[in-house]
Amino acid sequence: MPLYEYECKQCAYKFEELVSSNVTTVVCPRCSSTETRKLLSVFAATTSGGGDTAPSCSRPGCGRPGFS
């Protein structure tokens, strides 16, 4: 089940909820209102390695596809 972020339209409480695909109504855990809206979730992207994004050579175009 995916985890979604919601905001209650009645009390403005923001919360997360595990929701299956057949659920149509999400209830606010603070005020029990069914007037909630799904928020756009933000995700984090990480890189592996030392975070160094510089090419390993100093020639122009080095490290870019199609350039050698």
PDB file of N, CA and C in Angstrom:
ATOM      1  N   MET A   1       0.849  -1.191   0.000  1.00  0.00           N
ATOM      2  CA  MET A   1       0.000   0.000   0.000  1.00  0.00           C
ATOM      3  C   MET A   1       0.886   1.243   0.000  1.00  0.00           C
ATOM      4  N   PRO A   2       0.562   2.199  -0.822  1.00  0.00           N
ATOM      5  CA  PRO A   2       1.351   3.442  -0.852  1.00  0.00           C
ATOM      6  C   PRO A   2       1.010   4.361   0.310  1.00  0.00           C
ATOM      7  N   LEU A   3       1.987   5.146   0.694  1.00  0.00           N
ATOM      8  CA  LEU A   3       1.830   6.136   1.748  1.00  0.00           C
ATOM      9  C   LEU A   3       1.602   7.491   1.100  1.00  0.00           C
ATOM     10  N   TYR A   4       0.486   8.134   1.432  1.00  0.00           N
ATOM     11  CA  TYR A   4       0.150   9.442   0.870  1.00  0.00           C
ATOM     12  C   TYR A   4       0.076  10.488   1.964  1.00  0.00           C
ATOM     13  N   GLU A   5       0.315  11.742   1.584  1.00  0.00           N
ATOM     14  CA  GLU A   5       0.156  12.869   2.495  1.00  0.00           C
ATOM     15  C   GLU A   5      -1.193  13.528   2.222  1.00  0.00           C
ATOM     16  N   TYR A   6      -1.889  13.885   3.294  1.00  0.00           N
ATOM     17  CA  TYR A   6      -3.206  14.517   3.189  1.00  0.00           C
ATOM     18  C   TYR A   6      -3.250  15.763   4.052  1.00  0.00           C
ATOM     19  N   GLU A   7      -4.195  16.637   3.732  1.00  0.00           N
ATOM     20  CA  GLU A   7      -4.483  17.797   4.563  1.00  0.00           C
ATOM     21  C   GLU A   7      -5.995  17.857   4.765  1.00  0.00           C
ATOM     22  N   CYS A   8      -6.400  18.091   6.005  1.00  0.00           N
ATOM     23  CA  CYS A   8      -7.816  18.200   6.318  1.00  0.00           C
ATOM     24  C   CYS A   8      -8.294  19.604   5.955  1.00  0.00           C
ATOM     25  N   LYS A   9      -9.414  19.680   5.254  1.00  0.00           N
ATOM     26  CA  LYS A   9      -9.971  20.984   4.878  1.00  0.00           C
ATOM     27  C   LYS A   9     -10.659  21.676   6.051  1.00  0.00           C
ATOM     28  N   GLN A  10     -11.040  20.912   7.072  1.00  0.00           N
ATOM     29  CA  GLN A  10     -11.723  21.489   8.232  1.00  0.00           C
ATOM     30  C   GLN A  10     -10.742  22.095   9.237  1.00  0.00           C
ATOM     31  N   CYS A  11      -9.707  21.335   9.617  1.00  0.00           N
ATOM     32  CA  CYS A  11      -8.806  21.805  10.687  1.00  0.00           C
ATOM     33  C   CYS A  11      -7.379  22.084  10.210  1.00  0.00           C
ATOM     34  N   ALA A  12      -7.099  21.883   8.919  1.00  0.00           N
ATOM     35  CA  ALA A  12      -5.796  22.145   8.293  1.00  0.00           C
ATOM     36  C   ALA A  12      -4.691  21.222   8.801  1.00  0.00           C
ATOM     37  N   TYR A  13      -5.048  20.117   9.445  1.00  0.00           N
ATOM     38  CA  TYR A  13      -4.068  19.148   9.933  1.00  0.00           C
ATOM     39  C   TYR A  13      -3.490  18.368   8.761  1.00  0.00           C
ATOM     40  N   LYS A  14      -2.161  18.235   8.723  1.00  0.00           N
ATOM     41  CA  LYS A  14      -1.486  17.465   7.682  1.00  0.00           C
ATOM     42  C   LYS A  14      -1.065  16.132   8.286  1.00  0.00           C
ATOM     43  N   PHE A  15      -1.328  15.046   7.541  1.00  0.00           N
ATOM     44  CA  PHE A  15      -1.023  13.718   8.045  1.00  0.00           C
ATOM     45  C   PHE A  15      -0.718  12.772   6.896  1.00  0.00           C
ATOM     46  N   GLU A  16      -0.111  11.632   7.237  1.00  0.00           N
ATOM     47  CA  GLU A  16       0.194  10.604   6.250  1.00  0.00           C
ATOM     48  C   GLU A  16      -0.726   9.421   6.492  1.00  0.00           C
ATOM     49  N   GLU A  17      -1.077   8.740   5.417  1.00  0.00           N
ATOM     50  CA  GLU A  17      -1.996   7.609   5.525  1.00  0.00           C
ATOM     51  C   GLU A  17      -1.604   6.539   4.511  1.00  0.00           C
ATOM     52  N   LEU A  18      -1.565   5.287   4.966  1.00  0.00           N
ATOM     53  CA  LEU A  18      -1.395   4.162   4.055  1.00  0.00           C
ATOM     54  C   LEU A  18      -2.753   3.885   3.438  1.00  0.00           C
ATOM     55  N   VAL A  19      -2.838   3.963   2.123  1.00  0.00           N
ATOM     56  CA  VAL A  19      -4.140   3.873   1.466  1.00  0.00           C
ATOM     57  C   VAL A  19      -4.100   2.816   0.367  1.00  0.00           C
ATOM     58  N   SER A  20      -5.048   1.885   0.418  1.00  0.00           N
ATOM     59  CA  SER A  20      -5.155   0.907  -0.662  1.00  0.00           C
ATOM     60  C   SER A  20      -5.902   1.536  -1.839  1.00  0.00           C
ATOM     61  N   SER A  21      -5.825   0.902  -2.977  1.00  0.00           N
ATOM     62  CA  SER A  21      -6.381   1.493  -4.194  1.00  0.00           C
ATOM     63  C   SER A  21      -7.906   1.591  -4.191  1.00  0.00           C
ATOM     64  N   ASN A  22      -8.597   0.817  -3.360  1.00  0.00           N
ATOM     65  CA  ASN A  22     -10.061   0.851  -3.359  1.00  0.00           C
ATOM     66  C   ASN A  22     -10.650   1.834  -2.340  1.00  0.00           C
ATOM     67  N   VAL A  23      -9.815   2.541  -1.582  1.00  0.00           N
ATOM     68  CA  VAL A  23     -10.288   3.519  -0.601  1.00  0.00           C
ATOM     69  C   VAL A  23     -10.594   4.837  -1.302  1.00  0.00           C
ATOM     70  N   THR A  24     -11.792   5.368  -1.090  1.00  0.00           N
ATOM     71  CA  THR A  24     -12.171   6.635  -1.719  1.00  0.00           C
ATOM     72  C   THR A  24     -12.257   7.777  -0.720  1.00  0.00           C
ATOM     73  N   THR A  25     -12.439   7.467   0.566  1.00  0.00           N
ATOM     74  CA  THR A  25     -12.566   8.499   1.588  1.00  0.00           C
ATOM     75  C   THR A  25     -11.504   8.301   2.662  1.00  0.00           C
ATOM     76  N   VAL A  26     -10.768   9.364   2.963  1.00  0.00           N
ATOM     77  CA  VAL A  26      -9.766   9.333   4.023  1.00  0.00           C
ATOM     78  C   VAL A  26     -10.249  10.247   5.137  1.00  0.00           C
ATOM     79  N   VAL A  27     -10.218   9.743   6.367  1.00  0.00           N
ATOM     80  CA  VAL A  27     -10.725  10.476   7.526  1.00  0.00           C
ATOM     81  C   VAL A  27      -9.571  11.132   8.267  1.00  0.00           C
ATOM     82  N   CYS A  28      -9.747  12.393   8.655  1.00  0.00           N
ATOM     83  CA  CYS A  28      -8.744  13.125   9.425  1.00  0.00           C
ATOM     84  C   CYS A  28      -8.635  12.507  10.827  1.00  0.00           C
ATOM     85  N   PRO A  29      -7.417  12.164  11.259  1.00  0.00           N
ATOM     86  CA  PRO A  29      -7.248  11.569  12.583  1.00  0.00           C
ATOM     87  C   PRO A  29      -7.440  12.563  13.733  1.00  0.00           C
ATOM     88  N   ARG A  30      -7.414  13.858  13.442  1.00  0.00           N
ATOM     89  CA  ARG A  30      -7.567  14.868  14.491  1.00  0.00           C
ATOM     90  C   ARG A  30      -9.033  15.213  14.733  1.00  0.00           C
ATOM     91  N   CYS A  31      -9.782  15.520  13.663  1.00  0.00           N
ATOM     92  CA  CYS A  31     -11.155  15.998  13.852  1.00  0.00           C
ATOM     93  C   CYS A  31     -12.217  15.063  13.267  1.00  0.00           C
ATOM     94  N   SER A  32     -11.787  13.966  12.656  1.00  0.00           N
ATOM     95  CA  SER A  32     -12.676  12.954  12.059  1.00  0.00           C
ATOM     96  C   SER A  32     -13.448  13.447  10.833  1.00  0.00           C
ATOM     97  N   SER A  33     -13.019  14.528  10.241  1.00  0.00           N
ATOM     98  CA  SER A  33     -13.662  15.029   9.030  1.00  0.00           C
ATOM     99  C   SER A  33     -13.292  14.137   7.846  1.00  0.00           C
ATOM    100  N   THR A  34     -14.209  14.001   6.918  1.00  0.00           N
ATOM    101  CA  THR A  34     -13.923  13.273   5.682  1.00  0.00           C
ATOM    102  C   THR A  34     -13.555  14.224   4.545  1.00  0.00           C
ATOM    103  N   GLU A  35     -13.475  15.501   4.850  1.00  0.00           N
ATOM    104  CA  GLU A  35     -13.095  16.506   3.853  1.00  0.00           C
ATOM    105  C   GLU A  35     -11.578  16.671   3.870  1.00  0.00           C
ATOM    106  N   THR A  36     -10.913  15.768   3.194  1.00  0.00           N
ATOM    107  CA  THR A  36      -9.456  15.797   3.121  1.00  0.00           C
ATOM    108  C   THR A  36      -9.031  15.880   1.668  1.00  0.00           C
ATOM    109  N   ARG A  37      -7.805  16.325   1.465  1.00  0.00           N
ATOM    110  CA  ARG A  37      -7.274  16.371   0.102  1.00  0.00           C
ATOM    111  C   ARG A  37      -5.869  15.797   0.092  1.00  0.00           C
ATOM    112  N   LYS A  38      -5.560  15.083  -0.986  1.00  0.00           N
ATOM    113  CA  LYS A  38      -4.246  14.484  -1.139  1.00  0.00           C
ATOM    114  C   LYS A  38      -3.254  15.569  -1.555  1.00  0.00           C
ATOM    115  N   LEU A  39      -2.104  15.595  -0.905  1.00  0.00           N
ATOM    116  CA  LEU A  39      -1.069  16.574  -1.219  1.00  0.00           C
ATOM    117  C   LEU A  39      -0.038  15.950  -2.161  1.00  0.00           C
ATOM    118  N   LEU A  40       0.653  16.789  -2.891  1.00  0.00           N
ATOM    119  CA  LEU A  40       1.756  16.319  -3.708  1.00  0.00           C
ATOM    120  C   LEU A  40       2.926  16.010  -2.791  1.00  0.00           C
ATOM    121  N   SER A  41       3.453  14.827  -2.903  1.00  0.00           N
ATOM    122  CA  SER A  41       4.559  14.416  -2.044  1.00  0.00           C
ATOM    123  C   SER A  41       5.880  14.870  -2.633  1.00  0.00           C
ATOM    124  N   VAL A  42       6.810  15.151  -1.749  1.00  0.00           N
ATOM    125  CA  VAL A  42       8.161  15.531  -2.142  1.00  0.00           C
ATOM    126  C   VAL A  42       9.054  14.342  -1.840  1.00  0.00           C
ATOM    127  N   PHE A  43       9.937  14.024  -2.763  1.00  0.00           N
ATOM    128  CA  PHE A  43      10.856  12.919  -2.531  1.00  0.00           C
ATOM    129  C   PHE A  43      12.280  13.435  -2.612  1.00  0.00           C
ATOM    130  N   ALA A  44      13.193  12.692  -2.004  1.00  0.00           N
ATOM    131  CA  ALA A  44      14.599  13.074  -2.004  1.00  0.00           C
ATOM    132  C   ALA A  44      15.364  12.175  -2.954  1.00  0.00           C
ATOM    133  N   ALA A  45      16.248  12.759  -3.706  1.00  0.00           N
ATOM    134  CA  ALA A  45      17.111  11.987  -4.592  1.00  0.00           C
ATOM    135  C   ALA A  45      18.520  12.019  -4.029  1.00  0.00           C
ATOM    136  N   THR A  46      19.164  10.883  -4.004  1.00  0.00           N
ATOM    137  CA  THR A  46      20.529  10.820  -3.490  1.00  0.00           C
ATOM    138  C   THR A  46      21.445  10.332  -4.588  1.00  0.00           C
ATOM    139  N   THR A  47      22.697  10.649  -4.443  1.00  0.00           N
ATOM    140  CA  THR A  47      23.690  10.162  -5.394  1.00  0.00           C
ATOM    141  C   THR A  47      24.667   9.278  -4.642  1.00  0.00           C
ATOM    142  N   SER A  48      25.200   8.304  -5.323  1.00  0.00           N
ATOM    143  CA  SER A  48      26.212   7.469  -4.692  1.00  0.00           C
ATOM    144  C   SER A  48      27.577   8.033  -5.045  1.00  0.00           C
ATOM    145  N   GLY A  49      28.549   7.649  -4.305  1.00  0.00           N
ATOM    146  CA  GLY A  49      29.887   8.183  -4.511  1.00  0.00           C
ATOM    147  C   GLY A  49      30.113   9.365  -3.589  1.00  0.00           C
ATOM    148  N   GLY A  50      31.079  10.149  -3.875  1.00  0.00           N
ATOM    149  CA  GLY A  50      31.434  11.262  -3.014  1.00  0.00           C
ATOM    150  C   GLY A  50      30.689  12.540  -3.324  1.00  0.00           C
ATOM    151  N   GLY A  51      29.769  12.489  -4.259  1.00  0.00           N
ATOM    152  CA  GLY A  51      29.058  13.697  -4.617  1.00  0.00           C
ATOM    153  C   GLY A  51      29.800  14.528  -5.648  1.00  0.00           C
ATOM    154  N   ASP A  52      30.935  14.031  -6.123  1.00  0.00           N
ATOM    155  CA  ASP A  52      31.731  14.741  -7.112  1.00  0.00           C
ATOM    156  C   ASP A  52      31.115  14.506  -8.491  1.00  0.00           C
ATOM    157  N   THR A  53      30.636  15.567  -9.116  1.00  0.00           N
ATOM    158  CA  THR A  53      30.006  15.422 -10.425  1.00  0.00           C
ATOM    159  C   THR A  53      30.907  15.913 -11.555  1.00  0.00           C
ATOM    160  N   ALA A  54      32.118  16.301 -11.259  1.00  0.00           N
ATOM    161  CA  ALA A  54      33.041  16.797 -12.279  1.00  0.00           C
ATOM    162  C   ALA A  54      33.549  15.628 -13.116  1.00  0.00           C
ATOM    163  N   PRO A  55      33.735  15.847 -14.424  1.00  0.00           N
ATOM    164  CA  PRO A  55      34.279  14.773 -15.259  1.00  0.00           C
ATOM    165  C   PRO A  55      35.692  14.428 -14.838  1.00  0.00           C
ATOM    166  N   SER A  56      36.120  13.218 -15.193  1.00  0.00           N
ATOM    167  CA  SER A  56      37.442  12.764 -14.766  1.00  0.00           C
ATOM    168  C   SER A  56      38.574  13.282 -15.665  1.00  0.00           C
ATOM    169  N   CYS A  57      38.257  13.943 -16.768  1.00  0.00           N
ATOM    170  CA  CYS A  57      39.302  14.536 -17.600  1.00  0.00           C
ATOM    171  C   CYS A  57      38.989  16.016 -17.810  1.00  0.00           C
ATOM    172  N   SER A  58      39.951  16.746 -18.312  1.00  0.00           N
ATOM    173  CA  SER A  58      39.780  18.195 -18.430  1.00  0.00           C
ATOM    174  C   SER A  58      39.492  18.662 -19.846  1.00  0.00           C
ATOM    175  N   ARG A  59      39.390  17.745 -20.830  1.00  0.00           N
ATOM    176  CA  ARG A  59      39.089  18.140 -22.199  1.00  0.00           C
ATOM    177  C   ARG A  59      37.647  18.624 -22.311  1.00  0.00           C
ATOM    178  N   PRO A  60      37.357  19.617 -23.167  1.00  0.00           N
ATOM    179  CA  PRO A  60      35.981  20.073 -23.359  1.00  0.00           C
ATOM    180  C   PRO A  60      35.093  18.937 -23.868  1.00  0.00           C
ATOM    181  N   GLY A  61      33.929  18.759 -23.301  1.00  0.00           N
ATOM    182  CA  GLY A  61      33.004  17.735 -23.716  1.00  0.00           C
ATOM    183  C   GLY A  61      33.277  16.367 -23.116  1.00  0.00           C
ATOM    184  N   CYS A  62      34.350  16.241 -22.383  1.00  0.00           N
ATOM    185  CA  CYS A  62      34.701  14.962 -21.792  1.00  0.00           C
ATOM    186  C   CYS A  62      33.654  14.538 -20.767  1.00  0.00           C
ATOM    187  N   GLY A  63      33.224  13.297 -20.853  1.00  0.00           N
ATOM    188  CA  GLY A  63      32.246  12.785 -19.912  1.00  0.00           C
ATOM    189  C   GLY A  63      30.814  12.918 -20.397  1.00  0.00           C
ATOM    190  N   ARG A  64      30.588  13.652 -21.490  1.00  0.00           N
ATOM    191  CA  ARG A  64      29.234  13.796 -22.027  1.00  0.00           C
ATOM    192  C   ARG A  64      29.032  12.772 -23.130  1.00  0.00           C
ATOM    193  N   PRO A  65      27.843  12.167 -23.234  1.00  0.00           N
ATOM    194  CA  PRO A  65      27.591  11.188 -24.289  1.00  0.00           C
ATOM    195  C   PRO A  65      27.788  11.793 -25.675  1.00  0.00           C
ATOM    196  N   GLY A  66      28.410  11.035 -26.559  1.00  0.00           N
ATOM    197  CA  GLY A  66      28.602  11.496 -27.933  1.00  0.00           C
ATOM    198  C   GLY A  66      29.880  12.309 -28.134  1.00  0.00           C
ATOM    199  N   PHE A  67      30.610  12.597 -27.061  1.00  0.00           N
ATOM    200  CA  PHE A  67      31.854  13.371 -27.173  1.00  0.00           C
ATOM    201  C   PHE A  67      32.996  12.497 -26.695  1.00  0.00           C
ATOM    202  N   SER A  68      34.111  12.571 -27.383  1.00  0.00           N
ATOM    203  CA  SER A  68      35.275  11.839 -26.908  1.00  0.00           C
ATOM    204  C   SER A  68      36.521  12.660 -26.965  1.00  0.00           C
TER     205      SER A  68
END
